[in-house]
Every structure is written in structure tokens, then in C-alpha cells.
N, C-alpha and C. Protein backbone atom coordinates (compact mmCIF):
# COMPACT_ATOMS: atom_id res chain seq x y z
N UNK A 1 -3.39 -3.93 -2.46
CA UNK A 1 -4.71 -3.89 -3.08
C UNK A 1 -4.54 -3.71 -4.58
N UNK A 2 -5.39 -4.31 -5.31
CA UNK A 2 -5.38 -4.23 -6.77
C UNK A 2 -6.22 -3.01 -7.19
N UNK A 3 -6.03 -2.58 -8.43
CA UNK A 3 -6.67 -1.33 -8.86
C UNK A 3 -7.15 -1.41 -10.30
N UNK A 4 -8.36 -0.91 -10.53
CA UNK A 4 -8.91 -0.70 -11.87
C UNK A 4 -8.89 0.81 -12.10
N UNK A 5 -8.42 1.24 -13.26
CA UNK A 5 -8.37 2.66 -13.59
C UNK A 5 -9.17 2.91 -14.87
N UNK A 6 -10.10 3.82 -14.79
CA UNK A 6 -10.80 4.33 -15.98
C UNK A 6 -10.26 5.74 -16.17
N UNK A 7 -9.48 5.95 -17.20
CA UNK A 7 -8.74 7.20 -17.39
C UNK A 7 -9.47 8.11 -18.37
N UNK A 8 -9.79 9.32 -17.91
CA UNK A 8 -10.35 10.38 -18.77
C UNK A 8 -11.63 9.96 -19.51
N UNK A 9 -12.57 9.40 -18.76
CA UNK A 9 -13.89 9.09 -19.32
C UNK A 9 -14.58 10.41 -19.67
N UNK A 10 -14.94 10.57 -20.93
CA UNK A 10 -15.57 11.81 -21.39
C UNK A 10 -17.07 11.77 -21.09
N UNK A 11 -17.51 12.70 -20.24
CA UNK A 11 -18.92 12.83 -19.91
C UNK A 11 -19.35 14.27 -20.21
N UNK A 12 -20.64 14.46 -20.32
CA UNK A 12 -21.19 15.79 -20.54
C UNK A 12 -22.20 16.07 -19.44
N UNK A 13 -21.82 16.97 -18.52
CA UNK A 13 -22.65 17.33 -17.38
C UNK A 13 -22.88 18.83 -17.39
N UNK A 14 -23.99 19.22 -16.80
CA UNK A 14 -24.31 20.65 -16.63
C UNK A 14 -23.71 21.08 -15.30
N UNK A 15 -22.61 21.81 -15.37
CA UNK A 15 -21.91 22.21 -14.15
C UNK A 15 -21.36 23.61 -14.33
N UNK A 16 -21.49 24.42 -13.29
CA UNK A 16 -20.96 25.78 -13.30
C UNK A 16 -21.63 26.62 -12.25
N UNK A 17 -20.92 27.61 -11.77
CA UNK A 17 -21.45 28.47 -10.72
C UNK A 17 -22.63 29.30 -11.24
N UNK A 18 -22.50 29.83 -12.43
CA UNK A 18 -23.57 30.69 -12.96
C UNK A 18 -24.63 29.86 -13.70
N UNK A 19 -25.85 30.39 -13.73
CA UNK A 19 -26.92 29.73 -14.49
C UNK A 19 -26.55 29.63 -15.97
N UNK A 20 -25.90 30.67 -16.47
CA UNK A 20 -25.49 30.67 -17.88
C UNK A 20 -24.55 29.50 -18.17
N UNK A 21 -23.59 29.27 -17.28
CA UNK A 21 -22.64 28.17 -17.50
C UNK A 21 -23.33 26.81 -17.41
N UNK A 22 -24.35 26.70 -16.57
CA UNK A 22 -25.09 25.45 -16.41
C UNK A 22 -26.18 25.26 -17.47
N UNK A 23 -26.36 26.24 -18.34
CA UNK A 23 -27.46 26.16 -19.31
C UNK A 23 -27.25 25.06 -20.35
N UNK A 24 -26.03 24.62 -20.55
CA UNK A 24 -25.75 23.54 -21.50
C UNK A 24 -24.72 22.60 -20.88
N UNK A 25 -24.82 21.34 -21.24
CA UNK A 25 -23.84 20.37 -20.75
C UNK A 25 -22.48 20.69 -21.35
N UNK A 26 -21.45 20.49 -20.55
CA UNK A 26 -20.09 20.69 -21.03
C UNK A 26 -19.25 19.45 -20.77
N UNK A 27 -18.21 19.31 -21.55
CA UNK A 27 -17.35 18.14 -21.44
C UNK A 27 -16.54 18.21 -20.16
N UNK A 28 -16.53 17.09 -19.44
CA UNK A 28 -15.65 16.87 -18.31
C UNK A 28 -14.94 15.55 -18.57
N UNK A 29 -13.76 15.40 -18.02
CA UNK A 29 -13.07 14.11 -18.06
C UNK A 29 -12.99 13.57 -16.64
N UNK A 30 -13.42 12.33 -16.46
CA UNK A 30 -13.39 11.68 -15.16
C UNK A 30 -12.34 10.58 -15.18
N UNK A 31 -11.48 10.59 -14.18
CA UNK A 31 -10.57 9.47 -13.97
C UNK A 31 -10.99 8.81 -12.66
N UNK A 32 -11.25 7.52 -12.75
CA UNK A 32 -11.75 6.75 -11.63
C UNK A 32 -10.73 5.66 -11.32
N UNK A 33 -10.28 5.60 -10.07
CA UNK A 33 -9.38 4.54 -9.63
C UNK A 33 -10.09 3.74 -8.54
N UNK A 34 -10.30 2.46 -8.80
CA UNK A 34 -11.06 1.59 -7.91
C UNK A 34 -10.14 0.54 -7.30
N UNK A 35 -10.07 0.51 -5.98
CA UNK A 35 -9.30 -0.52 -5.30
C UNK A 35 -10.22 -1.70 -5.00
N UNK A 36 -9.79 -2.87 -5.44
CA UNK A 36 -10.60 -4.08 -5.28
C UNK A 36 -9.68 -5.29 -5.48
N UNK A 37 -9.77 -6.26 -4.64
CA UNK A 37 -8.96 -7.46 -4.79
C UNK A 37 -9.37 -8.24 -6.04
N UNK A 38 -8.38 -8.64 -6.82
CA UNK A 38 -8.63 -9.44 -8.03
C UNK A 38 -8.51 -10.93 -7.78
N UNK A 39 -8.21 -11.34 -6.56
CA UNK A 39 -7.93 -12.75 -6.29
C UNK A 39 -9.06 -13.67 -6.74
N UNK A 40 -10.28 -13.41 -6.31
CA UNK A 40 -11.41 -14.29 -6.66
C UNK A 40 -11.69 -14.27 -8.16
N UNK A 41 -11.64 -13.10 -8.76
CA UNK A 41 -11.91 -12.99 -10.19
C UNK A 41 -10.85 -13.72 -11.01
N UNK A 42 -9.60 -13.57 -10.63
CA UNK A 42 -8.51 -14.22 -11.37
C UNK A 42 -8.58 -15.74 -11.20
N UNK A 43 -8.90 -16.19 -9.99
CA UNK A 43 -8.98 -17.63 -9.73
C UNK A 43 -10.06 -18.29 -10.57
N UNK A 44 -11.22 -17.61 -10.67
CA UNK A 44 -12.37 -18.16 -11.41
C UNK A 44 -12.43 -17.67 -12.85
N UNK A 45 -11.63 -16.64 -13.17
CA UNK A 45 -11.73 -15.96 -14.47
C UNK A 45 -13.18 -15.53 -14.72
N UNK A 46 -13.73 -14.82 -13.70
CA UNK A 46 -15.16 -14.53 -13.66
C UNK A 46 -15.41 -13.04 -13.44
N UNK A 47 -16.08 -12.42 -14.38
CA UNK A 47 -16.42 -11.00 -14.26
C UNK A 47 -17.25 -10.71 -13.02
N UNK A 48 -18.09 -11.63 -12.62
CA UNK A 48 -18.94 -11.43 -11.46
C UNK A 48 -18.19 -11.30 -10.15
N UNK A 49 -16.92 -11.65 -10.14
CA UNK A 49 -16.11 -11.58 -8.92
C UNK A 49 -15.23 -10.34 -8.87
N UNK A 50 -15.43 -9.45 -9.82
CA UNK A 50 -14.66 -8.20 -9.84
C UNK A 50 -15.62 -7.05 -10.09
N UNK A 51 -15.09 -5.88 -10.37
CA UNK A 51 -15.92 -4.71 -10.69
C UNK A 51 -15.99 -4.59 -12.21
N UNK A 52 -17.17 -4.55 -12.73
CA UNK A 52 -17.39 -4.43 -14.17
C UNK A 52 -17.16 -2.98 -14.58
N UNK A 53 -15.98 -2.69 -15.12
CA UNK A 53 -15.65 -1.30 -15.45
C UNK A 53 -16.52 -0.76 -16.57
N UNK A 54 -17.03 -1.61 -17.44
CA UNK A 54 -17.96 -1.15 -18.47
C UNK A 54 -19.24 -0.64 -17.81
N UNK A 55 -19.75 -1.37 -16.83
CA UNK A 55 -20.96 -0.95 -16.11
C UNK A 55 -20.73 0.34 -15.35
N UNK A 56 -19.56 0.49 -14.75
CA UNK A 56 -19.21 1.74 -14.05
C UNK A 56 -19.24 2.90 -15.04
N UNK A 57 -18.59 2.72 -16.18
CA UNK A 57 -18.55 3.78 -17.19
C UNK A 57 -19.94 4.15 -17.66
N UNK A 58 -20.78 3.16 -17.93
CA UNK A 58 -22.15 3.44 -18.39
C UNK A 58 -22.93 4.19 -17.34
N UNK A 59 -22.75 3.82 -16.07
CA UNK A 59 -23.45 4.52 -14.98
C UNK A 59 -23.04 5.98 -14.93
N UNK A 60 -21.74 6.24 -15.09
CA UNK A 60 -21.25 7.61 -15.01
C UNK A 60 -21.62 8.42 -16.24
N UNK A 61 -21.70 7.79 -17.40
CA UNK A 61 -22.13 8.50 -18.60
C UNK A 61 -23.56 9.00 -18.44
N UNK A 62 -24.40 8.25 -17.72
CA UNK A 62 -25.78 8.65 -17.52
C UNK A 62 -26.05 9.47 -16.27
N UNK A 63 -25.04 9.62 -15.42
CA UNK A 63 -25.26 10.29 -14.13
C UNK A 63 -25.74 11.74 -14.28
N UNK A 64 -25.32 12.41 -15.34
CA UNK A 64 -25.67 13.82 -15.51
C UNK A 64 -27.02 14.09 -16.16
N UNK A 65 -27.70 13.05 -16.58
CA UNK A 65 -28.98 13.24 -17.28
C UNK A 65 -29.99 13.85 -16.32
N UNK A 66 -30.50 15.02 -16.69
CA UNK A 66 -31.49 15.71 -15.89
C UNK A 66 -30.95 16.33 -14.60
N UNK A 67 -29.65 16.44 -14.49
CA UNK A 67 -29.00 16.93 -13.27
C UNK A 67 -28.13 18.14 -13.58
N UNK A 68 -27.80 18.88 -12.53
CA UNK A 68 -26.81 19.95 -12.66
C UNK A 68 -26.15 20.17 -11.31
N UNK A 69 -24.94 20.67 -11.35
CA UNK A 69 -24.15 20.98 -10.16
C UNK A 69 -23.50 22.34 -10.36
N UNK A 70 -23.25 23.03 -9.28
CA UNK A 70 -22.51 24.29 -9.35
C UNK A 70 -21.00 24.05 -9.34
N UNK A 71 -20.56 23.05 -8.60
CA UNK A 71 -19.13 22.83 -8.38
C UNK A 71 -18.67 21.46 -8.87
N UNK A 72 -17.47 21.42 -9.45
CA UNK A 72 -16.91 20.11 -9.81
C UNK A 72 -16.53 19.34 -8.55
N UNK A 73 -16.33 20.02 -7.44
CA UNK A 73 -16.10 19.33 -6.17
C UNK A 73 -17.32 18.48 -5.82
N UNK A 74 -18.51 19.03 -6.04
CA UNK A 74 -19.75 18.28 -5.77
C UNK A 74 -19.87 17.08 -6.71
N UNK A 75 -19.50 17.27 -7.95
CA UNK A 75 -19.52 16.17 -8.92
C UNK A 75 -18.60 15.05 -8.44
N UNK A 76 -17.38 15.40 -8.06
CA UNK A 76 -16.40 14.39 -7.64
C UNK A 76 -16.89 13.60 -6.44
N UNK A 77 -17.44 14.29 -5.44
CA UNK A 77 -17.93 13.61 -4.24
C UNK A 77 -19.12 12.71 -4.58
N UNK A 78 -20.02 13.17 -5.43
CA UNK A 78 -21.17 12.35 -5.81
C UNK A 78 -20.75 11.12 -6.62
N UNK A 79 -19.83 11.31 -7.56
CA UNK A 79 -19.33 10.18 -8.34
C UNK A 79 -18.71 9.14 -7.41
N UNK A 80 -17.88 9.59 -6.48
CA UNK A 80 -17.22 8.66 -5.55
C UNK A 80 -18.25 7.89 -4.73
N UNK A 81 -19.22 8.58 -4.17
CA UNK A 81 -20.24 7.93 -3.36
C UNK A 81 -21.09 6.95 -4.15
N UNK A 82 -21.47 7.35 -5.35
CA UNK A 82 -22.30 6.49 -6.20
C UNK A 82 -21.57 5.20 -6.55
N UNK A 83 -20.34 5.31 -6.98
CA UNK A 83 -19.59 4.12 -7.39
C UNK A 83 -19.29 3.22 -6.19
N UNK A 84 -18.92 3.81 -5.06
CA UNK A 84 -18.69 2.98 -3.87
C UNK A 84 -19.95 2.21 -3.48
N UNK A 85 -21.07 2.89 -3.45
CA UNK A 85 -22.34 2.28 -3.05
C UNK A 85 -22.79 1.19 -4.02
N UNK A 86 -22.69 1.48 -5.30
CA UNK A 86 -23.29 0.59 -6.30
C UNK A 86 -22.37 -0.52 -6.80
N UNK A 87 -21.05 -0.35 -6.66
CA UNK A 87 -20.13 -1.32 -7.26
C UNK A 87 -19.19 -2.00 -6.27
N UNK A 88 -19.21 -1.58 -5.01
CA UNK A 88 -18.52 -2.32 -3.97
C UNK A 88 -17.01 -2.27 -3.94
N UNK A 89 -16.41 -1.23 -4.46
CA UNK A 89 -14.96 -1.10 -4.35
C UNK A 89 -14.58 -0.87 -2.89
N UNK A 90 -13.37 -1.26 -2.52
CA UNK A 90 -12.87 -1.00 -1.17
C UNK A 90 -12.55 0.48 -0.99
N UNK A 91 -12.07 1.10 -2.05
CA UNK A 91 -11.73 2.53 -2.03
C UNK A 91 -11.82 3.07 -3.44
N UNK A 92 -11.95 4.39 -3.53
CA UNK A 92 -12.04 5.04 -4.83
C UNK A 92 -11.32 6.37 -4.79
N UNK A 93 -10.72 6.73 -5.91
CA UNK A 93 -10.22 8.08 -6.13
C UNK A 93 -10.88 8.58 -7.41
N UNK A 94 -11.34 9.81 -7.37
CA UNK A 94 -12.02 10.41 -8.53
C UNK A 94 -11.36 11.74 -8.83
N UNK A 95 -10.97 11.92 -10.08
CA UNK A 95 -10.49 13.23 -10.55
C UNK A 95 -11.47 13.71 -11.61
N UNK A 96 -11.88 14.97 -11.47
CA UNK A 96 -12.77 15.61 -12.43
C UNK A 96 -12.00 16.76 -13.08
N UNK A 97 -11.89 16.71 -14.41
CA UNK A 97 -11.22 17.78 -15.16
C UNK A 97 -12.27 18.62 -15.89
N UNK A 98 -12.10 19.93 -15.78
CA UNK A 98 -13.01 20.87 -16.42
C UNK A 98 -12.17 21.84 -17.26
N UNK A 99 -12.68 22.21 -18.41
CA UNK A 99 -11.93 23.02 -19.37
C UNK A 99 -12.55 24.41 -19.44
N UNK A 100 -12.23 25.22 -18.42
CA UNK A 100 -12.92 26.49 -18.25
C UNK A 100 -11.98 27.69 -18.32
N UNK A 101 -10.72 27.52 -18.03
CA UNK A 101 -9.76 28.63 -18.07
C UNK A 101 -8.96 28.58 -19.36
N UNK A 102 -9.09 29.59 -20.21
CA UNK A 102 -8.39 29.54 -21.49
C UNK A 102 -6.86 29.53 -21.34
N UNK A 103 -6.37 29.99 -20.21
CA UNK A 103 -4.93 30.04 -19.98
C UNK A 103 -4.37 28.72 -19.44
N UNK A 104 -5.24 27.76 -19.15
CA UNK A 104 -4.80 26.48 -18.57
C UNK A 104 -5.34 25.32 -19.39
N UNK A 105 -4.62 24.22 -19.39
CA UNK A 105 -5.10 23.03 -20.09
C UNK A 105 -6.41 22.55 -19.48
N UNK A 106 -6.50 22.57 -18.17
CA UNK A 106 -7.71 22.21 -17.45
C UNK A 106 -7.58 22.59 -15.99
N UNK A 107 -8.69 22.54 -15.28
CA UNK A 107 -8.74 22.67 -13.83
C UNK A 107 -9.28 21.33 -13.35
N UNK A 108 -8.72 20.81 -12.26
CA UNK A 108 -9.24 19.54 -11.76
C UNK A 108 -9.34 19.53 -10.25
N UNK A 109 -10.21 18.65 -9.78
CA UNK A 109 -10.30 18.34 -8.36
C UNK A 109 -10.17 16.84 -8.23
N UNK A 110 -9.71 16.40 -7.06
CA UNK A 110 -9.53 14.98 -6.82
C UNK A 110 -10.01 14.66 -5.41
N UNK A 111 -10.81 13.61 -5.28
CA UNK A 111 -11.27 13.15 -3.97
C UNK A 111 -10.97 11.66 -3.83
N UNK A 112 -10.82 11.24 -2.59
CA UNK A 112 -10.64 9.83 -2.29
C UNK A 112 -11.60 9.43 -1.19
N UNK A 113 -12.15 8.25 -1.29
CA UNK A 113 -13.10 7.73 -0.30
C UNK A 113 -12.85 6.25 -0.09
N UNK A 114 -13.17 5.78 1.11
CA UNK A 114 -13.09 4.36 1.45
C UNK A 114 -14.44 3.89 1.97
N UNK A 115 -14.72 2.61 1.78
CA UNK A 115 -15.92 2.02 2.35
C UNK A 115 -15.68 1.68 3.79
């Protein structure tokens, strides 16, 4: 299977266990790996036969507008479901990085889903 990778897409979502932490959007980095055959797109050299990674990125940049989550696990599962449903990948892996522990570079969760 072929793969499209969007590495460390910077989004700003309201996420955190406490209300105080959710009171303002914070930076998260999303890495999205999409499994999708490139055969038809390569044969035709046609964007319509593959997954438009620009459209995926734009969708995810707007996903947090007017929303909030307590857990980055919930964010990861929702991102995976949204992209699978709307963009037709065969499978997806989503990593969400959060910068909350001063002693660590980041904390992350990773989920994988198949259609």
C-alpha cells in the first residue's frame, strides 16, 4: 500500500482535563499517515484519483473551531474517523503531540484505524 504523510501539522485546539487548561487553544502537532493506492492517480496524473493532502490539512486546521476535548486520545480518534470518512483512505495512523510536561519534549498518543 502507498502512503501519504503529513508530518507535524500545527493546529490550535482547546484540549485539557481541567477547564482552565481548555480555556484557551493550545498548539498540538498532528502527524497523519494515509494508506491509499497511487496507481490510478499516477496513471492519469490526476489529483482527483488520490487524497488531496492540502484539503486534509485544511479540514484538520478547522476541526477545533468551536470545539474542545479533555483528552488527546479523543482528539486522535476523532481525527482518524473524520479523515477516513471524508477522504476515503484505506487506513490511517494519527499521532497527536501535546506540549504539557516541562520535563519532556512532548507527550503523544497514536491511533490506527482501517476502513
